[in-house]
C-alpha atoms as a PDB file:
ATOM      1  CA  MET A   1     155.209 140.229 179.207  1.00  0.00           C
ATOM      2  CA  ALA A   2     158.314 142.422 179.460  1.00  0.00           C
ATOM      3  CA  THR A   3     160.062 144.090 176.566  1.00  0.00           C
ATOM      4  CA  THR A   4     162.764 141.982 174.935  1.00  0.00           C
ATOM      5  CA  LEU A   5     165.553 143.258 172.701  1.00  0.00           C
ATOM      6  CA  TYR A   6     166.640 141.147 169.725  1.00  0.00           C
ATOM      7  CA  ILE A   7     169.904 141.874 167.917  1.00  0.00           C
ATOM      8  CA  ASP A   8     170.442 140.590 164.391  1.00  0.00           C
ATOM      9  CA  ALA A   9     174.066 140.406 165.413  1.00  0.00           C
ATOM     10  CA  ASP A  10     176.326 139.174 162.636  1.00  0.00           C
ATOM     11  CA  ALA A  11     177.140 142.675 161.352  1.00  0.00           C
ATOM     12  CA  CYS A  12     175.644 144.870 164.077  1.00  0.00           C
ATOM     13  CA  PRO A  13     177.976 147.725 165.129  1.00  0.00           C
ATOM     14  CA  VAL A  14     175.931 148.783 168.184  1.00  0.00           C
ATOM     15  CA  LYS A  15     175.829 145.656 170.355  1.00  0.00           C
ATOM     16  CA  GLU A  16     177.604 147.372 173.274  1.00  0.00           C
ATOM     17  CA  GLU A  17     175.104 150.228 173.162  1.00  0.00           C
ATOM     18  CA  VAL A  18     172.225 147.746 173.283  1.00  0.00           C
ATOM     19  CA  TYR A  19     173.783 146.042 176.315  1.00  0.00           C
ATOM     20  CA  ARG A  20     174.111 149.417 178.081  1.00  0.00           C
ATOM     21  CA  VAL A  21     170.476 150.323 177.506  1.00  0.00           C
ATOM     22  CA  ALA A  22     169.329 146.818 178.475  1.00  0.00           C
ATOM     23  CA  ARG A  23     171.239 147.036 181.769  1.00  0.00           C
ATOM     24  CA  ARG A  24     169.731 150.439 182.531  1.00  0.00           C
ATOM     25  CA  TYR A  25     166.169 149.192 182.011  1.00  0.00           C
ATOM     26  CA  GLY A  26     166.661 145.568 183.122  1.00  0.00           C
ATOM     27  CA  LEU A  27     165.690 144.136 179.720  1.00  0.00           C
ATOM     28  CA  LYS A  28     166.421 140.692 178.278  1.00  0.00           C
ATOM     29  CA  VAL A  29     168.626 140.695 175.154  1.00  0.00           C
ATOM     30  CA  PHE A  30     168.930 137.905 172.604  1.00  0.00           C
ATOM     31  CA  VAL A  31     172.068 138.218 170.468  1.00  0.00           C
ATOM     32  CA  VAL A  32     171.272 136.088 167.402  1.00  0.00           C
ATOM     33  CA  SER A  33     173.963 135.135 164.895  1.00  0.00           C
ATOM     34  CA  ASN A  34     175.201 132.391 162.601  1.00  0.00           C
ATOM     35  CA  THR A  35     178.576 132.282 164.357  1.00  0.00           C
ATOM     36  CA  TRP A  36     179.820 132.598 167.911  1.00  0.00           C
ATOM     37  CA  ILE A  37     180.159 136.205 169.090  1.00  0.00           C
ATOM     38  CA  ASN A  38     181.724 137.250 172.362  1.00  0.00           C
ATOM     39  CA  VAL A  39     178.874 138.567 174.533  1.00  0.00           C
ATOM     40  CA  PRO A  40     178.922 139.608 178.171  1.00  0.00           C
ATOM     41  CA  ARG A  41     178.215 136.762 180.569  1.00  0.00           C
ATOM     42  CA  GLU A  42     175.220 138.294 182.274  1.00  0.00           C
ATOM     43  CA  PRO A  43     171.806 136.849 183.090  1.00  0.00           C
ATOM     44  CA  LEU A  44     169.966 139.357 180.872  1.00  0.00           C
ATOM     45  CA  ILE A  45     172.141 138.768 177.789  1.00  0.00           C
ATOM     46  CA  GLU A  46     171.801 135.491 175.928  1.00  0.00           C
ATOM     47  CA  GLN A  47     173.646 134.443 172.814  1.00  0.00           C
ATOM     48  CA  ILE A  48     171.772 132.340 170.270  1.00  0.00           C
ATOM     49  CA  VAL A  49     173.872 130.713 167.546  1.00  0.00           C
ATOM     50  CA  VAL A  50     171.682 129.399 164.750  1.00  0.00           C
ATOM     51  CA  ASP A  51     172.614 127.154 161.840  1.00  0.00           C
ATOM     52  CA  ALA A  52     174.287 128.835 158.903  1.00  0.00           C
ATOM     53  CA  GLY A  53     172.022 129.542 155.989  1.00  0.00           C
ATOM     54  CA  PRO A  54     169.943 132.261 154.445  1.00  0.00           C
ATOM     55  CA  ASP A  55     167.450 133.835 156.839  1.00  0.00           C
ATOM     56  CA  VAL A  56     167.990 131.315 159.685  1.00  0.00           C
ATOM     57  CA  ALA A  57     168.800 134.061 162.223  1.00  0.00           C
ATOM     58  CA  ASP A  58     166.028 136.231 160.776  1.00  0.00           C
ATOM     59  CA  ASP A  59     163.528 133.395 161.142  1.00  0.00           C
ATOM     60  CA  TRP A  60     164.562 132.813 164.768  1.00  0.00           C
ATOM     61  CA  ILE A  61     163.979 136.479 165.604  1.00  0.00           C
ATOM     62  CA  ALA A  62     160.783 136.901 163.579  1.00  0.00           C
ATOM     63  CA  GLU A  63     159.200 133.843 165.190  1.00  0.00           C
ATOM     64  CA  ARG A  64     159.691 135.349 168.667  1.00  0.00           C
ATOM     65  CA  ALA A  65     159.440 139.152 168.419  1.00  0.00           C
ATOM     66  CA  THR A  66     156.010 140.447 169.387  1.00  0.00           C
ATOM     67  CA  ALA A  67     154.293 143.667 170.442  1.00  0.00           C
ATOM     68  CA  GLY A  68     156.416 145.443 173.037  1.00  0.00           C
ATOM     69  CA  ASP A  69     159.705 144.027 171.719  1.00  0.00           C
ATOM     70  CA  ILE A  70     162.475 145.824 169.812  1.00  0.00           C
ATOM     71  CA  VAL A  71     164.564 144.345 166.997  1.00  0.00           C
ATOM     72  CA  ILE A  72     167.886 145.873 165.958  1.00  0.00           C
ATOM     73  CA  THR A  73     168.594 144.995 162.331  1.00  0.00           C
ATOM     74  CA  ALA A  74     169.661 146.333 158.962  1.00  0.00           C
ATOM     75  CA  ASP A  75     167.677 143.576 157.248  1.00  0.00           C
ATOM     76  CA  ILE A  76     164.607 145.142 155.620  1.00  0.00           C
ATOM     77  CA  PRO A  77     162.573 141.925 155.155  1.00  0.00           C
ATOM     78  CA  LEU A  78     163.221 140.992 158.805  1.00  0.00           C
ATOM     79  CA  ALA A  79     162.127 144.465 159.916  1.00  0.00           C
ATOM     80  CA  ASP A  80     158.954 144.067 157.852  1.00  0.00           C
ATOM     81  CA  ARG A  81     158.146 140.724 159.497  1.00  0.00           C
ATOM     82  CA  CYS A  82     158.761 142.161 162.974  1.00  0.00           C
ATOM     83  CA  LEU A  83     156.615 145.227 162.341  1.00  0.00           C
ATOM     84  CA  LYS A  84     153.786 142.943 161.220  1.00  0.00           C
ATOM     85  CA  SER A  85     153.999 141.111 164.554  1.00  0.00           C
ATOM     86  CA  GLY A  86     153.771 144.416 166.438  1.00  0.00           C
ATOM     87  CA  ALA A  87     157.455 144.746 167.389  1.00  0.00           C
ATOM     88  CA  GLN A  88     159.521 147.856 166.731  1.00  0.00           C
ATOM     89  CA  ALA A  89     162.560 147.670 164.427  1.00  0.00           C
ATOM     90  CA  LEU A  90     165.589 149.970 164.439  1.00  0.00           C
ATOM     91  CA  LYS A  91     168.612 150.301 162.181  1.00  0.00           C
ATOM     92  CA  ALA A  92     172.023 150.650 163.831  1.00  0.00           C
ATOM     93  CA  ASN A  93     172.081 154.333 162.832  1.00  0.00           C
ATOM     94  CA  GLY A  94     168.943 154.949 164.894  1.00  0.00           C
ATOM     95  CA  GLN A  95     166.544 155.175 161.981  1.00  0.00           C
ATOM     96  CA  PRO A  96     163.349 153.327 162.856  1.00  0.00           C
ATOM     97  CA  PHE A  97     161.557 151.136 160.398  1.00  0.00           C
ATOM     98  CA  THR A  98     157.871 152.072 160.546  1.00  0.00           C
ATOM     99  CA  PRO A  99     154.690 150.781 158.923  1.00  0.00           C
ATOM    100  CA  ASP A 100     154.746 153.970 156.819  1.00  0.00           C
ATOM    101  CA  SER A 101     158.375 153.579 155.663  1.00  0.00           C
ATOM    102  CA  ILE A 102     158.775 149.829 155.261  1.00  0.00           C
ATOM    103  CA  GLY A 103     157.047 149.632 151.868  1.00  0.00           C
ATOM    104  CA  SER A 104     159.421 152.105 150.232  1.00  0.00           C
ATOM    105  CA  ALA A 105     162.402 150.430 151.964  1.00  0.00           C
ATOM    106  CA  LEU A 106     161.371 147.059 150.523  1.00  0.00           C
ATOM    107  CA  ALA A 107     160.868 148.607 147.076  1.00  0.00           C
ATOM    108  CA  GLY A 108     164.277 150.286 147.214  1.00  0.00           C
ATOM    109  CA  ARG A 109     165.869 146.985 148.190  1.00  0.00           C
ATOM    110  CA  MET A 110     164.239 145.262 145.220  1.00  0.00           C
ATOM    111  CA  VAL A 111     165.446 147.980 142.839  1.00  0.00           C
ATOM    112  CA  GLY A 112     168.993 147.651 144.201  1.00  0.00           C
ATOM    113  CA  GLU A 113     168.899 143.867 143.792  1.00  0.00           C
ATOM    114  CA  HIS A 114     167.658 144.249 140.214  1.00  0.00           C
ATOM    115  CA  LEU A 115     170.376 146.770 139.333  1.00  0.00           C
ATOM    116  CA  ARG A 116     173.075 144.508 140.780  1.00  0.00           C
ATOM    117  CA  SER A 117     171.647 141.499 138.896  1.00  0.00           C
ATOM    118  CA  ILE A 118     172.091 143.307 135.577  1.00  0.00           C
ATOM    119  CA  GLY A 119     175.631 144.386 136.432  1.00  0.00           C
ATOM    120  CA  VAL A 120     175.133 147.942 137.632  1.00  0.00           C
ATOM    121  CA  ALA A 121     177.536 148.843 140.435  1.00  0.00           C
ATOM    122  CA  THR A 122     175.675 150.193 143.438  1.00  0.00           C
ATOM    123  CA  SER A 123     177.111 151.850 146.524  1.00  0.00           C
ATOM    124  CA  GLY A 124     176.790 150.313 149.939  1.00  0.00           C
ATOM    125  CA  PRO A 125     175.676 152.109 153.061  1.00  0.00           C
ATOM    126  CA  PRO A 126     177.641 155.161 154.164  1.00  0.00           C
ATOM    127  CA  PRO A 127     180.403 154.595 156.761  1.00  0.00           C
ATOM    128  CA  PHE A 128     179.130 154.216 160.327  1.00  0.00           C
ATOM    129  CA  SER A 129     179.877 157.348 162.380  1.00  0.00           C
ATOM    130  CA  ALA A 130     179.927 158.525 165.966  1.00  0.00           C
ATOM    131  CA  ALA A 131     176.823 160.582 165.163  1.00  0.00           C
ATOM    132  CA  ASP A 132     175.073 157.373 164.009  1.00  0.00           C
ATOM    133  CA  ARG A 133     175.984 155.725 167.324  1.00  0.00           C
ATOM    134  CA  SER A 134     174.589 158.687 169.250  1.00  0.00           C
ATOM    135  CA  ARG A 135     171.372 158.719 167.200  1.00  0.00           C
ATOM    136  CA  PHE A 136     171.010 154.992 167.793  1.00  0.00           C
ATOM    137  CA  LEU A 137     171.273 155.380 171.579  1.00  0.00           C
ATOM    138  CA  GLN A 138     168.641 158.113 171.563  1.00  0.00           C
ATOM    139  CA  ALA A 139     166.342 156.122 169.253  1.00  0.00           C
ATOM    140  CA  LEU A 140     166.716 152.946 171.319  1.00  0.00           C
ATOM    141  CA  ASP A 141     165.910 154.810 174.508  1.00  0.00           C
ATOM    142  CA  THR A 142     162.803 156.291 172.863  1.00  0.00           C
ATOM    143  CA  ALA A 143     161.803 152.845 171.556  1.00  0.00           C
ATOM    144  CA  VAL A 144     162.161 151.306 175.027  1.00  0.00           C
ATOM    145  CA  VAL A 145     159.929 153.966 176.561  1.00  0.00           C
ATOM    146  CA  ARG A 146     157.345 153.348 173.826  1.00  0.00           C
ATOM    147  CA  ALA A 147     157.627 149.565 174.179  1.00  0.00           C
ATOM    148  CA  ARG A 148     157.140 149.681 177.938  1.00  0.00           C
ATOM    149  CA  LYS A 149     153.795 151.397 177.389  1.00  0.00           C
ATOM    150  CA  VAL A 150     152.709 148.420 175.239  1.00  0.00           C
ATOM    151  CA  SER A 151     154.308 145.730 177.390  1.00  0.00           C
ATOM    152  CA  PRO A 152     153.400 145.721 181.103  1.00  0.00           C
END
């Protein structure tokens, strides 16, 4: 089975970069969101609009991503589920989620949620930069090469 790219798309800043890489390698892309997003009308790019609700898009992706696939997401629990199914997971800044890093990412997320629940102001992610976009393209290309070794 060929490599498939899944984009957790509602807040993803690198959709165009994913489309470019997918075109270069001839890979199928599923753009999954809770609302309609303008996507290129191309055979390899398919938009999936799921019902609104917590984790509906995440569930759709996690139920389908398998070994040899790549998921682009900032959602740590979704990345964890995808890694467990053998897929790769990348943040939009190019940082991969790995089996070695996902535990500390989940723990950090829980700490942040706890701090916010008791009223502590926490900072969000840093602003997205051109360097992040460049790192993402390089990381996605590396992930595709790795995925193609797993997926005939």
